[in-house]
Protein backbone atom coordinates (compact mmCIF):
# COMPACT_ATOMS: atom_id res chain seq x y z
CA UNK A 1 -18.53 -5.69 -4.86
CA UNK A 2 -15.62 -6.46 -2.56
CA UNK A 3 -13.75 -3.59 -0.90
CA UNK A 4 -10.57 -4.18 1.11
CA UNK A 5 -9.71 -1.32 3.50
CA UNK A 6 -6.38 -0.70 5.21
CA UNK A 7 -6.67 1.71 8.16
CA UNK A 8 -4.91 2.48 11.43
CA UNK A 9 -7.44 5.11 12.55
CA UNK A 10 -10.13 2.41 12.53
CA UNK A 11 -8.65 0.92 15.68
CA UNK A 12 -11.17 3.34 17.24
CA UNK A 13 -14.75 2.26 16.57
CA UNK A 14 -16.08 5.76 15.85
CA UNK A 15 -13.64 6.10 12.94
CA UNK A 16 -15.32 3.18 11.19
CA UNK A 17 -18.61 4.99 10.74
CA UNK A 18 -18.15 5.59 7.00
CA UNK A 19 -17.27 1.92 6.51
CA UNK A 20 -20.47 0.86 8.28
CA UNK A 21 -22.41 3.18 6.01
CA UNK A 22 -20.82 1.66 2.90
CA UNK A 23 -21.95 -1.77 4.06
CA UNK A 24 -25.43 -0.89 5.34
CA UNK A 25 -26.55 1.77 2.86
CA UNK A 26 -24.58 0.88 -0.26
CA UNK A 27 -24.41 -2.93 0.02
CA UNK A 28 -20.63 -3.02 -0.31
CA UNK A 29 -18.92 -6.12 1.05
CA UNK A 30 -15.99 -4.89 3.16
CA UNK A 31 -13.04 -6.51 4.85
CA UNK A 32 -11.24 -4.10 7.18
CA UNK A 33 -7.55 -4.54 8.02
CA UNK A 34 -6.85 -2.54 11.17
CA UNK A 35 -3.14 -1.75 11.30
CA UNK A 36 -1.56 -1.10 14.69
CA UNK A 37 1.79 -0.62 16.45
CA UNK A 38 0.94 -2.51 19.65
CA UNK A 39 1.93 -5.98 20.70
CA UNK A 40 -0.45 -8.59 19.31
CA UNK A 41 -1.77 -9.29 22.81
CA UNK A 42 -2.46 -5.62 23.57
CA UNK A 43 -4.09 -5.16 20.18
CA UNK A 44 -6.46 -8.06 20.81
CA UNK A 45 -7.42 -6.55 24.19
CA UNK A 46 -7.63 -2.87 23.17
CA UNK A 47 -9.16 -2.92 19.68
CA UNK A 48 -12.84 -3.83 19.57
CA UNK A 49 -13.67 -5.91 16.51
CA UNK A 50 -17.10 -7.34 17.34
CA UNK A 51 -20.58 -6.04 16.52
CA UNK A 52 -19.59 -4.70 13.10
CA UNK A 53 -21.41 -5.58 9.85
CA UNK A 54 -18.08 -6.49 8.23
CA UNK A 55 -15.05 -8.65 8.99
CA UNK A 56 -12.01 -7.19 10.75
CA UNK A 57 -8.49 -8.54 11.05
CA UNK A 58 -5.60 -6.99 13.01
CA UNK A 59 -2.15 -6.52 11.51
CA UNK A 60 1.01 -5.14 13.10
CA UNK A 61 2.80 -2.26 11.38
CA UNK A 62 6.57 -2.65 11.35
CA UNK A 63 9.27 -0.28 10.12
CA UNK A 64 11.79 2.36 11.15
CA UNK A 65 9.66 5.33 10.03
CA UNK A 66 5.91 5.87 9.40
CA UNK A 67 6.51 6.13 5.63
CA UNK A 68 8.63 2.98 5.69
CA UNK A 69 6.18 0.85 7.67
CA UNK A 70 4.26 -2.06 6.21
CA UNK A 71 2.58 -5.30 7.29
CA UNK A 72 3.32 -8.92 6.56
CA UNK A 73 1.14 -11.10 4.38
CA UNK A 74 -0.40 -8.43 2.10
CA UNK A 75 -0.29 -10.82 -0.86
CA UNK A 76 -2.20 -13.48 1.09
CA UNK A 77 -4.76 -10.96 2.40
CA UNK A 78 -5.56 -9.91 -1.18
CA UNK A 79 -5.60 -13.51 -2.41
CA UNK A 80 -8.02 -14.64 0.33
CA UNK A 81 -10.46 -11.73 0.19
CA UNK A 82 -10.27 -11.22 -3.62
CA UNK A 83 -11.26 -7.52 -3.68
CA UNK A 84 -12.38 -5.53 -6.71
CA UNK A 85 -11.17 -2.37 -4.99
CA UNK A 86 -8.64 -1.53 -2.28
CA UNK A 87 -8.86 1.64 -0.19
CA UNK A 88 -5.96 2.78 2.00
CA UNK A 89 -6.00 5.52 4.63
CA UNK A 90 -2.31 6.12 3.96
CA UNK A 91 -0.19 8.48 1.89
CA UNK A 92 0.82 7.17 -1.56
CA UNK A 93 4.50 7.98 -0.87
CA UNK A 94 4.79 5.13 1.62
CA UNK A 95 6.07 1.57 1.65
CA UNK A 96 2.66 0.20 2.68
CA UNK A 97 0.88 1.65 -0.36
CA UNK A 98 3.78 0.56 -2.57
CA UNK A 99 3.57 -3.01 -1.22
CA UNK A 100 -0.22 -3.09 -1.74
CA UNK A 101 0.14 -1.81 -5.31
CA UNK A 102 2.75 -4.44 -6.20
CA UNK A 103 0.86 -7.30 -4.54
CA UNK A 104 -2.51 -6.31 -6.02
CA UNK A 105 -1.28 -5.84 -9.56
CA UNK A 106 0.52 -9.20 -9.49
CA UNK A 107 -2.60 -10.89 -8.13
CA UNK A 108 -5.11 -9.21 -10.44
CA UNK A 109 -4.31 -6.31 -12.74
CA UNK A 110 -7.99 -5.25 -12.69
CA UNK A 111 -8.03 -4.38 -8.96
CA UNK A 112 -8.57 -0.65 -8.49
CA UNK A 113 -6.59 1.10 -5.76
CA UNK A 114 -7.32 4.36 -3.96
CA UNK A 115 -6.10 6.39 -0.99
CA UNK A 116 -7.73 8.78 1.47
CA UNK A 117 -5.00 11.41 1.86
CA UNK A 118 -4.33 14.23 4.30
CA UNK A 119 -1.02 15.86 3.31
CA UNK A 120 -1.33 19.65 2.89
CA UNK A 121 2.31 20.73 2.95
CA UNK A 122 4.39 21.12 -0.22
CA UNK A 123 6.60 18.09 -0.81
CA UNK A 124 9.68 17.80 -3.01
CA UNK A 125 11.34 14.53 -2.09
CA UNK A 126 14.26 14.93 -4.51
CA UNK A 127 15.10 18.42 -3.22
CA UNK A 128 14.72 17.24 0.39
CA UNK A 129 16.98 14.27 -0.35
CA UNK A 130 19.82 16.41 -1.66
CA UNK A 131 19.42 18.92 1.17
CA UNK A 132 19.79 16.00 3.58
CA UNK A 133 22.82 14.72 1.68
CA UNK A 134 24.67 18.02 1.92
CA UNK A 135 23.87 18.18 5.64
CA UNK A 136 25.35 14.73 6.07
CA UNK A 137 22.06 13.11 7.09
CA UNK A 138 22.31 10.02 4.89
CA UNK A 139 19.39 8.18 6.50
CA UNK A 140 17.07 11.06 5.58
CA UNK A 141 18.71 11.24 2.15
CA UNK A 142 17.86 7.62 1.34
CA UNK A 143 14.45 7.96 3.01
CA UNK A 144 13.45 10.86 0.75
CA UNK A 145 14.68 9.02 -2.34
CA UNK A 146 12.52 6.05 -1.34
CA UNK A 147 9.52 8.36 -0.92
CA UNK A 148 10.16 9.77 -4.40
CA UNK A 149 10.18 6.21 -5.78
CA UNK A 150 7.00 5.31 -3.86
CA UNK A 151 5.27 8.45 -5.13
CA UNK A 152 6.21 7.80 -8.76
CA UNK A 153 4.96 4.22 -8.50
CA UNK A 154 1.70 5.49 -6.98
CA UNK A 155 1.23 8.10 -9.74
CA UNK A 156 1.35 5.28 -12.30
CA UNK A 157 -0.89 2.85 -10.43
CA UNK A 158 -3.33 4.68 -8.12
CA UNK A 159 -6.81 4.87 -9.62
CA UNK A 160 -8.34 7.48 -7.31
CA UNK A 161 -7.29 9.87 -4.55
CA UNK A 162 -9.58 11.32 -1.90
CA UNK A 163 -7.96 14.39 -0.26
CA UNK A 164 -9.80 15.88 2.73
CA UNK A 165 -9.10 19.57 2.01
CA UNK A 166 -8.63 21.96 -0.90
CA UNK A 167 -5.02 22.49 0.13
CA UNK A 168 -4.50 18.74 -0.01
CA UNK A 169 -6.04 18.55 -3.50
CA UNK A 170 -3.53 21.11 -4.74
CA UNK A 171 -0.59 19.35 -3.10
CA UNK A 172 -1.29 16.06 -4.87
CA UNK A 173 -1.70 17.78 -8.22
CA UNK A 174 1.80 19.22 -7.69
CA UNK A 175 2.99 15.68 -6.90
CA UNK A 176 1.92 14.76 -10.48
CA UNK A 177 -1.34 12.95 -9.75
CA UNK A 178 -3.86 13.61 -12.52
CA UNK A 179 -6.69 16.00 -11.67
CA UNK A 180 -9.33 13.56 -12.94
CA UNK A 181 -8.55 11.04 -10.17
CA UNK A 182 -8.48 13.65 -7.36
CA UNK A 183 -11.80 14.19 -5.60
CA UNK A 184 -12.25 15.87 -2.25
CA UNK A 185 -14.28 14.32 0.52
CA UNK A 186 -14.75 15.04 4.23
CA UNK A 187 -13.06 13.17 7.04
CA UNK A 188 -16.57 12.19 8.00
CA UNK A 189 -17.77 12.37 11.60
CA UNK A 190 -20.30 9.89 13.01
CA UNK A 191 -23.50 11.93 12.92
CA UNK A 192 -25.30 9.28 14.99
CA UNK A 193 -22.87 9.70 17.88
CA UNK A 194 -22.21 13.43 17.83
CA UNK A 195 -25.65 14.92 18.47
CA UNK A 196 -27.16 17.78 20.45
CA UNK A 197 -28.52 16.69 23.81
CA UNK A 198 -31.26 18.29 25.94
CA UNK A 199 -30.67 21.24 28.25
CA UNK A 200 -31.42 18.93 31.17
CA UNK A 201 -28.66 16.57 30.07
CA UNK A 202 -26.27 19.50 29.65
CA UNK A 203 -27.04 20.68 33.19
CA UNK A 204 -26.31 17.22 34.62
CA UNK A 205 -22.94 17.02 32.88
CA UNK A 206 -22.01 20.55 33.93
CA UNK A 207 -22.94 19.77 37.52
CA UNK A 208 -20.87 16.57 37.41
CA UNK A 209 -17.85 18.49 36.09
CA UNK A 210 -18.46 21.46 38.45
CA UNK A 211 -18.77 23.88 35.55
CA UNK A 212 -20.43 27.03 36.86
CA UNK A 213 -19.20 29.74 34.46
CA UNK A 214 -18.71 30.45 30.75
CA UNK A 215 -16.88 27.27 29.72
CA UNK A 216 -14.14 27.29 27.10
CA UNK A 217 -12.67 23.97 25.99
CA UNK A 218 -9.72 22.49 24.16
CA UNK A 219 -10.12 18.87 23.06
CA UNK A 220 -7.21 17.14 21.37
CA UNK A 221 -3.59 16.13 21.60
CA UNK A 222 -1.31 17.95 24.03
CA UNK A 223 1.48 18.78 21.58
CA UNK A 224 3.13 22.14 20.74
CA UNK A 225 1.68 22.41 17.23
CA UNK A 226 -1.87 22.44 18.61
CA UNK A 227 -1.16 25.83 20.19
CA UNK A 228 -2.36 25.15 23.75
CA UNK A 229 0.33 27.50 25.07
CA UNK A 230 -1.29 30.40 23.20
CA UNK A 231 -4.71 29.46 24.57
CA UNK A 232 -3.45 29.55 28.17
CA UNK A 233 -1.75 32.90 27.56
CA UNK A 234 -4.90 34.24 25.89
CA UNK A 235 -7.05 33.22 28.85
CA UNK A 236 -4.73 35.10 31.21
CA UNK A 237 -5.40 38.26 29.18
CA UNK A 238 -9.21 38.11 29.44
CA UNK A 239 -10.80 41.14 31.07
CA UNK A 240 -13.75 39.15 32.44
CA UNK A 241 -13.24 36.60 35.18
CA UNK A 242 -16.31 34.36 35.03
CA UNK A 243 -14.83 31.64 32.83
CA UNK A 244 -13.48 28.09 33.12
CA UNK A 245 -11.34 25.93 30.84
CA UNK A 246 -12.18 22.27 30.26
CA UNK A 247 -9.17 20.30 29.02
CA UNK A 248 -7.99 16.71 28.82
CA UNK A 249 -6.16 15.41 31.87
CA UNK A 250 -2.37 15.45 31.63
CA UNK A 251 -2.14 12.36 33.83
CA UNK A 252 -3.00 9.97 30.99
CA UNK A 253 0.18 10.72 29.04
CA UNK A 254 2.75 12.84 30.83
CA UNK A 255 5.25 14.51 28.48
CA UNK A 256 7.78 17.32 28.64
CA UNK A 257 5.24 19.56 26.89
CA UNK A 258 2.39 18.71 29.25
CA UNK A 259 4.71 19.64 32.13
CA UNK A 260 5.43 22.96 30.41
CA UNK A 261 1.70 23.66 30.10
CA UNK A 262 1.18 22.83 33.78
CA UNK A 263 3.99 25.24 34.70
CA UNK A 264 2.45 27.94 32.50
CA UNK A 265 -0.95 27.47 34.18
CA UNK A 266 0.73 27.83 37.58
CA UNK A 267 2.72 30.88 36.44
CA UNK A 268 -0.44 32.64 35.20
CA UNK A 269 -2.31 31.73 38.38
CA UNK A 270 -5.09 29.93 36.52
CA UNK A 271 -5.18 26.66 38.48
CA UNK A 272 -8.61 27.24 40.01
CA UNK A 273 -10.14 27.98 36.60
CA UNK A 274 -8.98 24.76 34.92
CA UNK A 275 -11.17 21.65 34.95
CA UNK A 276 -9.49 18.44 33.83
CA UNK A 277 -11.33 15.42 32.46
CA UNK A 278 -10.51 12.00 31.07
CA UNK A 279 -12.83 10.25 28.60
CA UNK A 280 -12.83 7.69 25.79
CA UNK A 281 -13.75 9.04 22.36
CA UNK A 282 -17.25 7.51 22.43
CA UNK A 283 -18.04 9.71 25.46
CA UNK A 284 -16.81 12.96 23.91
CA UNK A 285 -20.30 14.11 22.77
CA UNK A 286 -21.20 14.49 26.48
CA UNK A 287 -18.39 17.01 26.93
CA UNK A 288 -19.17 18.95 23.75
CA UNK A 289 -22.71 19.35 25.07
CA UNK A 290 -21.40 20.70 28.38
CA UNK A 291 -19.32 23.61 27.04
CA UNK A 292 -20.02 27.08 25.67
CA UNK A 293 -17.06 27.49 23.33
CA UNK A 294 -14.58 25.09 21.68
CA UNK A 295 -11.21 26.51 20.64
CA UNK A 296 -8.75 24.97 18.17
CA UNK A 297 -5.62 27.17 18.38
CA UNK A 298 -3.36 25.21 16.01
CA UNK A 299 -0.12 26.76 14.77
CA UNK A 300 1.98 26.05 11.69
CA UNK A 301 5.65 25.08 11.69
CA UNK A 302 8.12 23.34 9.39
CA UNK A 303 6.74 19.91 10.31
CA UNK A 304 3.03 20.58 10.83
CA UNK A 305 0.03 22.27 9.26
CA UNK A 306 -3.50 21.54 10.48
CA UNK A 307 -4.84 18.97 8.03
CA UNK A 308 -8.51 19.08 9.01
CA UNK A 309 -9.58 19.85 12.59
CA UNK A 310 -12.11 17.08 13.20
CA UNK A 311 -12.94 18.42 16.69
CA UNK A 312 -14.49 21.45 14.97
CA UNK A 313 -16.91 19.26 13.00
CA UNK A 314 -17.72 17.16 16.05
CA UNK A 315 -18.59 20.36 17.91
CA UNK A 316 -20.62 21.72 14.99
CA UNK A 317 -22.73 18.54 14.91
CA UNK A 318 -23.49 18.95 18.63
CA UNK A 319 -24.42 22.61 18.02
CA UNK A 320 -21.50 23.90 20.05
CA UNK A 321 -19.96 27.30 19.28
CA UNK A 322 -16.48 26.98 17.73
CA UNK A 323 -13.53 29.20 16.83
CA UNK A 324 -10.21 28.29 15.24
CA UNK A 325 -6.92 29.76 14.04
CA UNK A 326 -6.27 30.86 10.47
CA UNK A 327 -3.99 27.98 9.52
CA UNK A 328 -4.28 24.87 7.38
CA UNK A 329 -7.78 23.54 6.71
CA UNK A 330 -9.43 25.34 9.65
CA UNK A 331 -10.74 28.36 7.64
CA UNK A 332 -12.13 25.92 5.07
CA UNK A 333 -14.14 24.19 7.79
CA UNK A 334 -15.37 27.29 9.62
CA UNK A 335 -15.91 29.75 6.73
CA UNK A 336 -17.21 32.72 8.80
CA UNK A 337 -14.50 35.33 9.55
CA UNK A 338 -15.96 35.96 13.01
CA UNK A 339 -14.95 32.39 13.93
CA UNK A 340 -11.28 32.82 12.93
CA UNK A 341 -8.36 34.34 14.87
CA UNK A 342 -4.68 34.84 14.05
CA UNK A 343 -2.56 31.75 14.61
CA UNK A 344 0.19 31.86 17.27
CA UNK A 345 -1.16 35.15 18.63
CA UNK A 346 -2.45 35.13 22.20
CA UNK A 347 -3.82 38.67 21.91
CA UNK A 348 -5.87 37.84 18.80
CA UNK A 349 -7.28 34.74 20.50
CA UNK A 350 -8.07 36.61 23.72
CA UNK A 351 -9.86 39.35 21.77
CA UNK A 352 -11.82 36.73 19.83
CA UNK A 353 -12.99 34.97 23.01
CA UNK A 354 -14.09 38.33 24.45
CA UNK A 355 -15.90 39.14 21.21
CA UNK A 356 -17.76 35.82 21.29
CA UNK A 357 -18.65 36.33 24.96
CA UNK A 358 -20.28 39.67 24.07
CA UNK A 359 -22.09 38.35 20.98
CA UNK A 360 -25.88 38.34 21.32
CA UNK A 361 -27.67 35.02 21.78
CA UNK A 362 -29.52 35.62 18.51
CA UNK A 363 -26.28 35.97 16.55
CA UNK A 364 -24.72 32.99 18.33
CA UNK A 365 -27.75 30.86 17.47
CA UNK A 366 -27.53 31.92 13.83
CA UNK A 367 -23.85 30.99 13.55
CA UNK A 368 -24.35 27.71 15.43
CA UNK A 369 -27.25 26.70 13.19
CA UNK A 370 -25.37 27.60 10.00
CA UNK A 371 -22.40 25.53 11.13
CA UNK A 372 -24.67 22.63 12.01
CA UNK A 373 -26.45 22.65 8.65
CA UNK A 374 -23.18 22.70 6.73
CA UNK A 375 -21.75 19.92 8.90
CA UNK A 376 -24.80 17.64 8.71
CA UNK A 377 -25.08 18.13 4.95
CA UNK A 378 -21.43 17.90 3.96
CA UNK A 379 -19.11 16.69 6.73
CA UNK A 380 -20.59 13.45 8.08
CA UNK A 381 -19.51 9.83 7.78
CA UNK A 382 -22.63 9.24 5.71
CA UNK A 383 -21.50 11.89 3.23
CA UNK A 384 -17.99 10.45 3.15
CA UNK A 385 -19.36 6.98 2.38
CA UNK A 386 -21.60 8.33 -0.36
CA UNK A 387 -18.72 10.10 -2.10
CA UNK A 388 -16.41 7.10 -1.78
CA UNK A 389 -19.11 4.86 -3.25
CA UNK A 390 -19.59 7.24 -6.17
CA UNK A 391 -15.86 7.53 -6.68
CA UNK A 392 -15.20 3.81 -6.62
CA UNK A 393 -18.26 2.23 -8.17
CA UNK A 394 -19.93 4.76 -10.45
CA UNK A 395 -18.86 5.01 -14.05
CA UNK A 396 -16.99 8.28 -14.47
CA UNK A 397 -18.18 8.82 -18.04
CA UNK A 398 -21.84 8.88 -17.00
CA UNK A 399 -21.48 10.54 -13.62
CA UNK A 400 -21.78 14.37 -13.59
CA UNK A 401 -20.11 14.36 -10.17
CA UNK A 402 -16.78 13.57 -11.77
CA UNK A 403 -17.09 16.13 -14.54
CA UNK A 404 -18.11 19.10 -12.41
CA UNK A 405 -16.24 18.25 -9.21
CA UNK A 406 -17.71 18.54 -5.79
CA UNK A 407 -17.93 21.68 -3.69
CA UNK A 408 -17.40 20.05 -0.31
CA UNK A 409 -17.55 23.02 2.00
CA UNK A 410 -20.52 25.12 0.93
């Protein structure tokens, strides 16, 4: 069984965990094509490709827009590796998927093609195209028409789709993909990396970071749609003062928005309560183990809706208390209403933090353990690999999984 995987997220080693599991536990022969936007020299230096139980090659993405990007030599890649199945971590309405479909079908019409998909916003490429036309944006007009063509080609030729949320499942049904090829799976987290550490270890990390009080954390990108502004405003409203915020250092990637957040911190007089850190992803479990509460305050706008919230699952696997806003896939991950607050509302978030602070240790332990059990049973890389293997290699006619569906978030 030969599986060819196209992925850009796999430039980070931890995001390859499900691929390792496919190789080690399911005996699938994998060739991974890591797609990147760096120079070839930087890619060779920055992307670790050794010590994996499968072959990896690096390929540069080129194009004027993410949906119009592709890589050179797809036909040769398929010809050399000769896969039975191809799996892409890309949206079907993209040039890359379209190029893979055309190259694969010309090479061998029996090759099965699938995509792991994230989109959870309603798409109507034809409507968007004409809206762009009447606004005089002809580049966007032609771009949307291309996406409509790519999507129609994918509907005819994609053999299976793996959305990562219920919202995403519904979106692709509306984009005319048949229900029988749509099967939800988790964006699996490496359960071997994200683990609970001892209290002694936690104390050492907290001492190193100079964390002395109730520690709230935000881990993730510093962009407006992640709602960090509302978190800072919420913290300024707290009635108790014995707290600290652990957040990624702005120095790594200075932007206009990071400057705005720094100004807001100064304006609210919170400088002394903020602890900055800088860490590679493989070290993130240390920081989860050091905090008391992880917050994901994402907001929704015309261009963004939280597709998953992987930091929540990472925290759940390390038995860290989590709360998140009521947008996108976050409520699907967290389930319990006590863990959800109103998106884009500083007051709601502030009240929720205060509520969690007052919650008894017994109740906190119960919620943490329930989150952990659901995460370890349903949201790991191992689970993702298992569902992909079933989806790709098991006969649908004899597999009850396909007939009854799969309740991912129990």
